[in-house]
Amino acid sequence: MVTSKLFETKFLPRNPRIAFNQHGDGDLIIFIHGIGGNKENWHGNMEVLSKNFNVVALDLRGYGESDDFEGPMNFFDVADDIYKLIAYIGKKNCHVVGLSMGAQIALYFYQRYPSITKSLVLCDAPLGFQDFTESEREKFISLRRKPIEDGTDLTNMATKIADTLIGIKSNKSVFNQLVKSMQKLHKETYLKAIDTFVKSTHYNIFSIIDIPVLVLVGELDNLTPVSMAKEINAKIDRSIFEVIPNAGHLSNIENPSAFNKVVLGFLSNLAKNC
């Protein structure tokens, strides 16, 4: 059971100020949440992986307890935040685990800082919106942006979105976690993130990656399905592909035991082979 003392909030004293949780010793793992998330989404994973690693989950700029920021969201700015956080912690390199938009940011981080990125774990990652039809793109944007612009409160919006992301709809625990997470969104940042998420040009990064990569996807993910994850796996030389059973788009929350086992095995094998 995760306790509040186990994950007390710390801050990177920069502008914007970045909130993070940290626990454990060893090689550093950075966890990057998705577009509707925050650092708390990773607590069930950090608790297990902190037995072997130094684990850190941050609230991205404008999310959770982190400060808001001026101007549009730029994933390279976010990558720079993460780099500053790693330096602040006192580490020279890290493994990066990102979910959905967090996987996009992980790719931008790698492109920006390849020499300090030891490995990538891309969870329920989008291949790129260039492969979405116009109707799919508009549906994605409308579902997430229009309710905010129309004044819908975050709880009602979260309830609707949760049904599109969760693999097993009857899983009330996961449903409640997702709604709670989205209730903490900063509305302006969320609108900025939607635009940047859709406009991301990370597609060409896949083919230039030359570090170990684990591609994970929930078996029941309808947003970034297994077929899409297989395409990503095929584009990254020597990457490892795993499907998390009984999970949708939030594979780390929907089936944390399977998720933790796969990620721990991947990272432990890397440590043995170093």
C-alpha atoms as a PDB file:
ATOM      1  CA  MET A   1       0.000   0.000   0.000  1.00  0.00           C
ATOM      2  CA  VAL A   2       1.438   3.374  -1.031  1.00  0.00           C
ATOM      3  CA  THR A   3       1.636   5.851   1.834  1.00  0.00           C
ATOM      4  CA  SER A   4       1.853   9.627   1.659  1.00  0.00           C
ATOM      5  CA  LYS A   5       5.188   9.529   3.524  1.00  0.00           C
ATOM      6  CA  LEU A   6       6.641   7.190   0.923  1.00  0.00           C
ATOM      7  CA  PHE A   7       6.004   9.733  -1.835  1.00  0.00           C
ATOM      8  CA  GLU A   8       6.359  13.170  -0.324  1.00  0.00           C
ATOM      9  CA  THR A   9       6.448  15.918  -2.949  1.00  0.00           C
ATOM     10  CA  LYS A  10       9.794  17.555  -3.682  1.00  0.00           C
ATOM     11  CA  PHE A  11      10.403  20.481  -6.015  1.00  0.00           C
ATOM     12  CA  LEU A  12      12.953  21.372  -8.654  1.00  0.00           C
ATOM     13  CA  PRO A  13      13.454  25.075  -7.874  1.00  0.00           C
ATOM     14  CA  ARG A  14      13.394  26.371 -11.420  1.00  0.00           C
ATOM     15  CA  ASN A  15      11.039  28.494 -13.486  1.00  0.00           C
ATOM     16  CA  PRO A  16       8.621  26.812 -13.815  1.00  0.00           C
ATOM     17  CA  ARG A  17       9.018  24.931 -10.526  1.00  0.00           C
ATOM     18  CA  ILE A  18       8.650  21.182 -11.140  1.00  0.00           C
ATOM     19  CA  ALA A  19       7.114  18.820  -8.569  1.00  0.00           C
ATOM     20  CA  PHE A  20       8.357  15.256  -8.265  1.00  0.00           C
ATOM     21  CA  ASN A  21       8.346  12.117  -6.117  1.00  0.00           C
ATOM     22  CA  GLN A  22      11.504  10.088  -5.546  1.00  0.00           C
ATOM     23  CA  HIS A  23      12.216   6.821  -3.810  1.00  0.00           C
ATOM     24  CA  GLY A  24      14.823   4.039  -3.765  1.00  0.00           C
ATOM     25  CA  ASP A  25      18.474   3.658  -4.724  1.00  0.00           C
ATOM     26  CA  GLY A  26      20.395   2.526  -7.783  1.00  0.00           C
ATOM     27  CA  ASP A  27      20.069   3.408 -11.444  1.00  0.00           C
ATOM     28  CA  LEU A  28      17.637   6.241 -12.092  1.00  0.00           C
ATOM     29  CA  ILE A  29      14.229   5.689 -13.705  1.00  0.00           C
ATOM     30  CA  ILE A  30      12.198   8.709 -14.830  1.00  0.00           C
ATOM     31  CA  PHE A  31       8.444   8.133 -15.194  1.00  0.00           C
ATOM     32  CA  ILE A  32       6.529  10.489 -17.531  1.00  0.00           C
ATOM     33  CA  HIS A  33       2.732  10.604 -17.310  1.00  0.00           C
ATOM     34  CA  GLY A  34       0.196  11.001 -20.074  1.00  0.00           C
ATOM     35  CA  ILE A  35      -1.936  13.914 -21.236  1.00  0.00           C
ATOM     36  CA  GLY A  36      -4.553  13.528 -18.512  1.00  0.00           C
ATOM     37  CA  GLY A  37      -2.246  12.365 -15.759  1.00  0.00           C
ATOM     38  CA  ASN A  38       0.205  13.359 -13.069  1.00  0.00           C
ATOM     39  CA  LYS A  39       2.992  11.826 -11.017  1.00  0.00           C
ATOM     40  CA  GLU A  40       0.556   9.883  -8.825  1.00  0.00           C
ATOM     41  CA  ASN A  41      -0.318   7.632 -11.791  1.00  0.00           C
ATOM     42  CA  TRP A  42       3.021   5.873 -11.260  1.00  0.00           C
ATOM     43  CA  HIS A  43       2.910   5.235  -7.520  1.00  0.00           C
ATOM     44  CA  GLY A  44       1.822   1.611  -7.892  1.00  0.00           C
ATOM     45  CA  ASN A  45       4.785   1.007 -10.193  1.00  0.00           C
ATOM     46  CA  MET A  46       7.335   3.045  -8.259  1.00  0.00           C
ATOM     47  CA  GLU A  47       6.629   1.189  -5.030  1.00  0.00           C
ATOM     48  CA  VAL A  48       7.732  -2.088  -6.645  1.00  0.00           C
ATOM     49  CA  LEU A  49      10.583  -0.819  -8.833  1.00  0.00           C
ATOM     50  CA  SER A  50      12.082   1.289  -6.023  1.00  0.00           C
ATOM     51  CA  LYS A  51      13.302  -1.944  -4.434  1.00  0.00           C
ATOM     52  CA  ASN A  52      15.896  -2.138  -7.214  1.00  0.00           C
ATOM     53  CA  PHE A  53      16.098   1.374  -8.652  1.00  0.00           C
ATOM     54  CA  ASN A  54      16.034   5.079  -7.821  1.00  0.00           C
ATOM     55  CA  VAL A  55      12.590   5.961  -9.179  1.00  0.00           C
ATOM     56  CA  VAL A  56      11.315   9.457  -9.945  1.00  0.00           C
ATOM     57  CA  ALA A  57       7.926  10.579 -11.256  1.00  0.00           C
ATOM     58  CA  LEU A  58       7.349  14.227 -12.071  1.00  0.00           C
ATOM     59  CA  ASP A  59       4.376  16.455 -12.703  1.00  0.00           C
ATOM     60  CA  LEU A  60       5.102  17.933 -16.113  1.00  0.00           C
ATOM     61  CA  ARG A  61       5.110  21.743 -16.319  1.00  0.00           C
ATOM     62  CA  GLY A  62       1.547  22.944 -15.829  1.00  0.00           C
ATOM     63  CA  TYR A  63       0.393  19.620 -14.352  1.00  0.00           C
ATOM     64  CA  GLY A  64      -0.331  18.504 -10.799  1.00  0.00           C
ATOM     65  CA  GLU A  65       1.739  20.464  -8.298  1.00  0.00           C
ATOM     66  CA  SER A  66       4.122  21.916 -10.887  1.00  0.00           C
ATOM     67  CA  ASP A  67       3.943  25.569 -11.892  1.00  0.00           C
ATOM     68  CA  ASP A  68       2.079  26.817 -14.938  1.00  0.00           C
ATOM     69  CA  PHE A  69       4.069  28.336 -17.792  1.00  0.00           C
ATOM     70  CA  GLU A  70       3.744  30.999 -20.453  1.00  0.00           C
ATOM     71  CA  GLY A  71       3.185  30.300 -24.141  1.00  0.00           C
ATOM     72  CA  PRO A  72       2.459  27.019 -25.940  1.00  0.00           C
ATOM     73  CA  MET A  73       3.636  23.632 -24.711  1.00  0.00           C
ATOM     74  CA  ASN A  74       6.856  22.518 -26.400  1.00  0.00           C
ATOM     75  CA  PHE A  75       8.049  18.975 -25.808  1.00  0.00           C
ATOM     76  CA  PHE A  76      11.687  20.051 -26.056  1.00  0.00           C
ATOM     77  CA  ASP A  77      11.068  22.476 -23.177  1.00  0.00           C
ATOM     78  CA  VAL A  78       9.646  19.562 -21.203  1.00  0.00           C
ATOM     79  CA  ALA A  79      12.705  17.472 -22.102  1.00  0.00           C
ATOM     80  CA  ASP A  80      14.873  20.292 -20.762  1.00  0.00           C
ATOM     81  CA  ASP A  81      12.882  20.258 -17.505  1.00  0.00           C
ATOM     82  CA  ILE A  82      13.630  16.556 -17.150  1.00  0.00           C
ATOM     83  CA  TYR A  83      17.319  17.092 -17.876  1.00  0.00           C
ATOM     84  CA  LYS A  84      17.499  19.769 -15.171  1.00  0.00           C
ATOM     85  CA  LEU A  85      15.728  17.428 -12.763  1.00  0.00           C
ATOM     86  CA  ILE A  86      18.255  14.656 -13.423  1.00  0.00           C
ATOM     87  CA  ALA A  87      21.119  17.064 -12.797  1.00  0.00           C
ATOM     88  CA  TYR A  88      19.430  18.336  -9.631  1.00  0.00           C
ATOM     89  CA  ILE A  89      19.130  14.772  -8.323  1.00  0.00           C
ATOM     90  CA  GLY A  90      22.814  14.266  -9.095  1.00  0.00           C
ATOM     91  CA  LYS A  91      22.617  11.500 -11.694  1.00  0.00           C
ATOM     92  CA  LYS A  92      24.481  11.339 -15.001  1.00  0.00           C
ATOM     93  CA  ASN A  93      22.031   9.145 -16.919  1.00  0.00           C
ATOM     94  CA  CYS A  94      18.645   7.466 -16.645  1.00  0.00           C
ATOM     95  CA  HIS A  95      16.115   5.004 -17.959  1.00  0.00           C
ATOM     96  CA  VAL A  96      12.958   6.732 -19.227  1.00  0.00           C
ATOM     97  CA  VAL A  97       9.464   5.238 -18.963  1.00  0.00           C
ATOM     98  CA  GLY A  98       6.661   7.163 -20.677  1.00  0.00           C
ATOM     99  CA  LEU A  99       2.960   6.484 -21.163  1.00  0.00           C
ATOM    100  CA  SER A 100       1.073   7.773 -24.228  1.00  0.00           C
ATOM    101  CA  MET A 101       1.995  11.489 -24.449  1.00  0.00           C
ATOM    102  CA  GLY A 102       4.711  10.624 -21.948  1.00  0.00           C
ATOM    103  CA  ALA A 103       6.132   8.198 -24.506  1.00  0.00           C
ATOM    104  CA  GLN A 104       6.224  11.018 -27.076  1.00  0.00           C
ATOM    105  CA  ILE A 105       8.092  13.189 -24.587  1.00  0.00           C
ATOM    106  CA  ALA A 106      10.472  10.298 -23.864  1.00  0.00           C
ATOM    107  CA  LEU A 107      11.331  10.247 -27.578  1.00  0.00           C
ATOM    108  CA  TYR A 108      11.922  14.001 -27.623  1.00  0.00           C
ATOM    109  CA  PHE A 109      14.109  13.605 -24.538  1.00  0.00           C
ATOM    110  CA  TYR A 110      16.144  10.918 -26.269  1.00  0.00           C
ATOM    111  CA  GLN A 111      16.544  13.058 -29.379  1.00  0.00           C
ATOM    112  CA  ARG A 112      17.694  15.988 -27.240  1.00  0.00           C
ATOM    113  CA  TYR A 113      19.857  14.019 -24.772  1.00  0.00           C
ATOM    114  CA  PRO A 114      20.852  10.678 -26.339  1.00  0.00           C
ATOM    115  CA  SER A 115      24.095  10.341 -24.366  1.00  0.00           C
ATOM    116  CA  ILE A 116      22.333  10.244 -20.988  1.00  0.00           C
ATOM    117  CA  THR A 117      19.394   8.050 -21.991  1.00  0.00           C
ATOM    118  CA  LYS A 118      20.206   4.443 -21.061  1.00  0.00           C
ATOM    119  CA  SER A 119      16.942   2.914 -22.271  1.00  0.00           C
ATOM    120  CA  LEU A 120      13.360   3.738 -23.208  1.00  0.00           C
ATOM    121  CA  VAL A 121      10.137   2.049 -22.172  1.00  0.00           C
ATOM    122  CA  LEU A 122       7.379   3.252 -24.507  1.00  0.00           C
ATOM    123  CA  CYS A 123       3.972   2.410 -23.051  1.00  0.00           C
ATOM    124  CA  ASP A 124       0.798   2.619 -25.146  1.00  0.00           C
ATOM    125  CA  ALA A 125       2.622   5.030 -27.429  1.00  0.00           C
ATOM    126  CA  PRO A 126       1.128   6.732 -30.482  1.00  0.00           C
ATOM    127  CA  LEU A 127       2.797   5.986 -33.782  1.00  0.00           C
ATOM    128  CA  GLY A 128       2.011   9.518 -34.870  1.00  0.00           C
ATOM    129  CA  PHE A 129      -1.079  11.390 -35.908  1.00  0.00           C
ATOM    130  CA  GLN A 130      -0.017  11.272 -39.552  1.00  0.00           C
ATOM    131  CA  ASP A 131      -1.627   7.829 -39.606  1.00  0.00           C
ATOM    132  CA  PHE A 132      -4.919   8.969 -38.086  1.00  0.00           C
ATOM    133  CA  THR A 133      -7.768   9.710 -40.470  1.00  0.00           C
ATOM    134  CA  GLU A 134      -9.161  13.237 -40.373  1.00  0.00           C
ATOM    135  CA  SER A 135     -12.278  11.989 -38.574  1.00  0.00           C
ATOM    136  CA  GLU A 136     -10.179  10.136 -35.986  1.00  0.00           C
ATOM    137  CA  ARG A 137      -8.066  13.245 -35.395  1.00  0.00           C
ATOM    138  CA  GLU A 138     -11.099  15.479 -35.058  1.00  0.00           C
ATOM    139  CA  LYS A 139     -12.776  12.994 -32.735  1.00  0.00           C
ATOM    140  CA  PHE A 140      -9.682  12.908 -30.509  1.00  0.00           C
ATOM    141  CA  ILE A 141      -9.396  16.695 -30.331  1.00  0.00           C
ATOM    142  CA  SER A 142     -13.126  17.283 -29.911  1.00  0.00           C
ATOM    143  CA  LEU A 143     -13.513  14.729 -27.145  1.00  0.00           C
ATOM    144  CA  ARG A 144     -10.807  16.396 -25.095  1.00  0.00           C
ATOM    145  CA  ARG A 145     -10.874  20.067 -26.063  1.00  0.00           C
ATOM    146  CA  LYS A 146     -14.513  20.979 -26.657  1.00  0.00           C
ATOM    147  CA  PRO A 147     -15.799  20.109 -23.168  1.00  0.00           C
ATOM    148  CA  ILE A 148     -13.212  22.433 -21.589  1.00  0.00           C
ATOM    149  CA  GLU A 149     -14.017  25.239 -24.003  1.00  0.00           C
ATOM    150  CA  ASP A 150     -17.742  24.746 -23.403  1.00  0.00           C
ATOM    151  CA  GLY A 151     -17.280  25.014 -19.642  1.00  0.00           C
ATOM    152  CA  THR A 152     -17.809  21.346 -18.772  1.00  0.00           C
ATOM    153  CA  ASP A 153     -16.380  20.569 -15.340  1.00  0.00           C
ATOM    154  CA  LEU A 154     -13.413  18.219 -15.147  1.00  0.00           C
ATOM    155  CA  THR A 155     -15.298  15.433 -13.367  1.00  0.00           C
ATOM    156  CA  ASN A 156     -17.914  15.103 -16.106  1.00  0.00           C
ATOM    157  CA  MET A 157     -15.257  15.256 -18.800  1.00  0.00           C
ATOM    158  CA  ALA A 158     -13.123  12.664 -17.040  1.00  0.00           C
ATOM    159  CA  THR A 159     -16.080  10.301 -16.748  1.00  0.00           C
ATOM    160  CA  LYS A 160     -16.632  10.372 -20.508  1.00  0.00           C
ATOM    161  CA  ILE A 161     -12.969  10.000 -21.393  1.00  0.00           C
ATOM    162  CA  ALA A 162     -12.420   7.152 -18.929  1.00  0.00           C
ATOM    163  CA  ASP A 163     -14.832   4.947 -20.859  1.00  0.00           C
ATOM    164  CA  THR A 164     -12.726   5.341 -24.021  1.00  0.00           C
ATOM    165  CA  LEU A 165      -9.425   4.434 -22.345  1.00  0.00           C
ATOM    166  CA  ILE A 166     -10.092   1.639 -19.868  1.00  0.00           C
ATOM    167  CA  GLY A 167      -9.969  -1.888 -21.237  1.00  0.00           C
ATOM    168  CA  ILE A 168     -12.275  -3.557 -18.711  1.00  0.00           C
ATOM    169  CA  LYS A 169     -15.102  -1.068 -18.145  1.00  0.00           C
ATOM    170  CA  SER A 170     -16.215  -2.716 -14.905  1.00  0.00           C
ATOM    171  CA  ASN A 171     -12.883  -1.981 -13.211  1.00  0.00           C
ATOM    172  CA  LYS A 172     -14.141   0.708 -10.838  1.00  0.00           C
ATOM    173  CA  SER A 173     -10.789   1.134  -9.090  1.00  0.00           C
ATOM    174  CA  VAL A 174      -9.048   2.125 -12.330  1.00  0.00           C
ATOM    175  CA  PHE A 175     -12.017   4.258 -13.360  1.00  0.00           C
ATOM    176  CA  ASN A 176     -11.886   6.167 -10.073  1.00  0.00           C
ATOM    177  CA  GLN A 177      -8.099   6.636 -10.349  1.00  0.00           C
ATOM    178  CA  LEU A 178      -8.434   8.108 -13.819  1.00  0.00           C
ATOM    179  CA  VAL A 179     -11.248  10.463 -12.826  1.00  0.00           C
ATOM    180  CA  LYS A 180      -9.289  11.586  -9.753  1.00  0.00           C
ATOM    181  CA  SER A 181      -6.237  12.194 -11.935  1.00  0.00           C
ATOM    182  CA  MET A 182      -8.125  14.284 -14.485  1.00  0.00           C
ATOM    183  CA  GLN A 183      -9.802  16.340 -11.765  1.00  0.00           C
ATOM    184  CA  LYS A 184      -6.334  17.748 -11.013  1.00  0.00           C
ATOM    185  CA  LEU A 185      -5.730  19.002 -14.552  1.00  0.00           C
ATOM    186  CA  HIS A 186      -4.827  22.646 -15.156  1.00  0.00           C
ATOM    187  CA  LYS A 187      -7.352  23.513 -17.871  1.00  0.00           C
ATOM    188  CA  GLU A 188      -5.131  25.876 -19.875  1.00  0.00           C
ATOM    189  CA  THR A 189      -2.214  23.437 -19.851  1.00  0.00           C
ATOM    190  CA  TYR A 190      -4.491  20.608 -20.927  1.00  0.00           C
ATOM    191  CA  LEU A 191      -5.647  22.591 -23.957  1.00  0.00           C
ATOM    192  CA  LYS A 192      -2.025  23.394 -24.826  1.00  0.00           C
ATOM    193  CA  ALA A 193      -1.043  19.738 -24.419  1.00  0.00           C
ATOM    194  CA  ILE A 194      -3.792  18.515 -26.742  1.00  0.00           C
ATOM    195  CA  ASP A 195      -2.518  20.751 -29.535  1.00  0.00           C
ATOM    196  CA  THR A 196       1.120  19.739 -29.008  1.00  0.00           C
ATOM    197  CA  PHE A 197       0.218  16.050 -28.695  1.00  0.00           C
ATOM    198  CA  VAL A 198      -1.526  16.081 -32.064  1.00  0.00           C
ATOM    199  CA  LYS A 199       1.172  18.174 -33.766  1.00  0.00           C
ATOM    200  CA  SER A 200       4.054  16.053 -32.466  1.00  0.00           C
ATOM    201  CA  THR A 201       6.572  15.031 -35.117  1.00  0.00           C
ATOM    202  CA  HIS A 202       8.161  12.166 -33.211  1.00  0.00           C
ATOM    203  CA  TYR A 203       7.539   9.630 -36.021  1.00  0.00           C
ATOM    204  CA  ASN A 204      11.043   9.971 -37.495  1.00  0.00           C
ATOM    205  CA  ILE A 205      12.739   9.434 -34.136  1.00  0.00           C
ATOM    206  CA  PHE A 206      11.855   5.731 -34.031  1.00  0.00           C
ATOM    207  CA  SER A 207      14.306   4.788 -36.782  1.00  0.00           C
ATOM    208  CA  ILE A 208      17.315   6.579 -35.231  1.00  0.00           C
ATOM    209  CA  ILE A 209      17.117   5.016 -31.765  1.00  0.00           C
ATOM    210  CA  ASP A 210      20.201   2.963 -30.925  1.00  0.00           C
ATOM    211  CA  ILE A 211      19.629   2.148 -27.242  1.00  0.00           C
ATOM    212  CA  PRO A 212      17.571  -0.669 -25.682  1.00  0.00           C
ATOM    213  CA  VAL A 213      13.833  -0.113 -26.046  1.00  0.00           C
ATOM    214  CA  LEU A 214      10.839  -1.923 -24.592  1.00  0.00           C
ATOM    215  CA  VAL A 215       7.534  -1.336 -26.400  1.00  0.00           C
ATOM    216  CA  LEU A 216       4.531  -2.082 -24.178  1.00  0.00           C
ATOM    217  CA  VAL A 217       0.830  -1.999 -24.988  1.00  0.00           C
ATOM    218  CA  GLY A 218      -2.365  -2.981 -23.229  1.00  0.00           C
ATOM    219  CA  GLU A 219      -4.103  -5.940 -24.821  1.00  0.00           C
ATOM    220  CA  LEU A 220      -7.389  -4.005 -24.886  1.00  0.00           C
ATOM    221  CA  ASP A 221      -6.007  -0.583 -25.860  1.00  0.00           C
ATOM    222  CA  ASN A 222      -8.337   0.962 -28.430  1.00  0.00           C
ATOM    223  CA  LEU A 223      -6.574   4.336 -28.736  1.00  0.00           C
ATOM    224  CA  THR A 224      -3.060   3.055 -29.506  1.00  0.00           C
ATOM    225  CA  PRO A 225      -3.832  -0.610 -30.220  1.00  0.00           C
ATOM    226  CA  VAL A 226      -1.588  -3.651 -30.371  1.00  0.00           C
ATOM    227  CA  SER A 227      -1.285  -3.290 -34.149  1.00  0.00           C
ATOM    228  CA  MET A 228       0.143   0.215 -33.709  1.00  0.00           C
ATOM    229  CA  ALA A 229       2.588  -0.949 -31.040  1.00  0.00           C
ATOM    230  CA  LYS A 230       3.785  -3.670 -33.404  1.00  0.00           C
ATOM    231  CA  GLU A 231       4.511  -1.020 -36.046  1.00  0.00           C
ATOM    232  CA  ILE A 232       6.536   0.960 -33.527  1.00  0.00           C
ATOM    233  CA  ASN A 233       8.387  -2.192 -32.539  1.00  0.00           C
ATOM    234  CA  ALA A 234       9.197  -2.867 -36.198  1.00  0.00           C
ATOM    235  CA  LYS A 235      10.583   0.651 -36.663  1.00  0.00           C
ATOM    236  CA  ILE A 236      12.983   0.451 -33.697  1.00  0.00           C
ATOM    237  CA  ASP A 237      15.936  -1.808 -34.325  1.00  0.00           C
ATOM    238  CA  ARG A 238      16.242  -4.660 -31.781  1.00  0.00           C
ATOM    239  CA  SER A 239      13.401  -3.354 -29.620  1.00  0.00           C
ATOM    240  CA  ILE A 240      11.465  -5.744 -27.378  1.00  0.00           C
ATOM    241  CA  PHE A 241       7.690  -6.039 -27.662  1.00  0.00           C
ATOM    242  CA  GLU A 242       5.311  -7.026 -24.858  1.00  0.00           C
ATOM    243  CA  VAL A 243       1.525  -7.028 -24.461  1.00  0.00           C
ATOM    244  CA  ILE A 244       0.030  -6.368 -21.021  1.00  0.00           C
ATOM    245  CA  PRO A 245      -3.037  -8.615 -20.630  1.00  0.00           C
ATOM    246  CA  ASN A 246      -6.395  -7.352 -19.348  1.00  0.00           C
ATOM    247  CA  ALA A 247      -5.388  -3.719 -19.799  1.00  0.00           C
ATOM    248  CA  GLY A 248      -6.412  -0.866 -22.053  1.00  0.00           C
ATOM    249  CA  HIS A 249      -4.588   2.406 -22.703  1.00  0.00           C
ATOM    250  CA  LEU A 250      -3.524   2.802 -19.059  1.00  0.00           C
ATOM    251  CA  SER A 251      -1.557  -0.424 -18.880  1.00  0.00           C
ATOM    252  CA  ASN A 252       0.535   0.568 -15.858  1.00  0.00           C
ATOM    253  CA  ILE A 253      -2.604   1.282 -13.797  1.00  0.00           C
ATOM    254  CA  GLU A 254      -4.962  -1.357 -15.174  1.00  0.00           C
ATOM    255  CA  ASN A 255      -2.616  -4.307 -14.664  1.00  0.00           C
ATOM    256  CA  PRO A 256       0.261  -3.049 -12.507  1.00  0.00           C
ATOM    257  CA  SER A 257       1.515  -6.491 -11.485  1.00  0.00           C
ATOM    258  CA  ALA A 258       2.052  -7.591 -15.099  1.00  0.00           C
ATOM    259  CA  PHE A 259       3.410  -4.178 -16.062  1.00  0.00           C
ATOM    260  CA  ASN A 260       5.887  -4.097 -13.171  1.00  0.00           C
ATOM    261  CA  LYS A 261       7.078  -7.638 -13.878  1.00  0.00           C
ATOM    262  CA  VAL A 262       7.816  -6.881 -17.544  1.00  0.00           C
ATOM    263  CA  VAL A 263       9.534  -3.541 -16.887  1.00  0.00           C
ATOM    264  CA  LEU A 264      11.557  -4.909 -13.977  1.00  0.00           C
ATOM    265  CA  GLY A 265      12.675  -7.868 -16.092  1.00  0.00           C
ATOM    266  CA  PHE A 266      13.715  -5.613 -18.967  1.00  0.00           C
ATOM    267  CA  LEU A 267      15.709  -3.206 -16.791  1.00  0.00           C
ATOM    268  CA  SER A 268      17.243  -5.945 -14.650  1.00  0.00           C
ATOM    269  CA  ASN A 269      18.499  -7.736 -17.755  1.00  0.00           C
ATOM    270  CA  LEU A 270      20.101  -4.514 -18.955  1.00  0.00           C
ATOM    271  CA  ALA A 271      21.865  -4.127 -15.617  1.00  0.00           C
ATOM    272  CA  LYS A 272      23.198  -7.688 -15.794  1.00  0.00           C
ATOM    273  CA  ASN A 273      24.559  -7.160 -19.302  1.00  0.00           C
ATOM    274  CA  CYS A 274      26.338  -3.892 -18.533  1.00  0.00           C
END
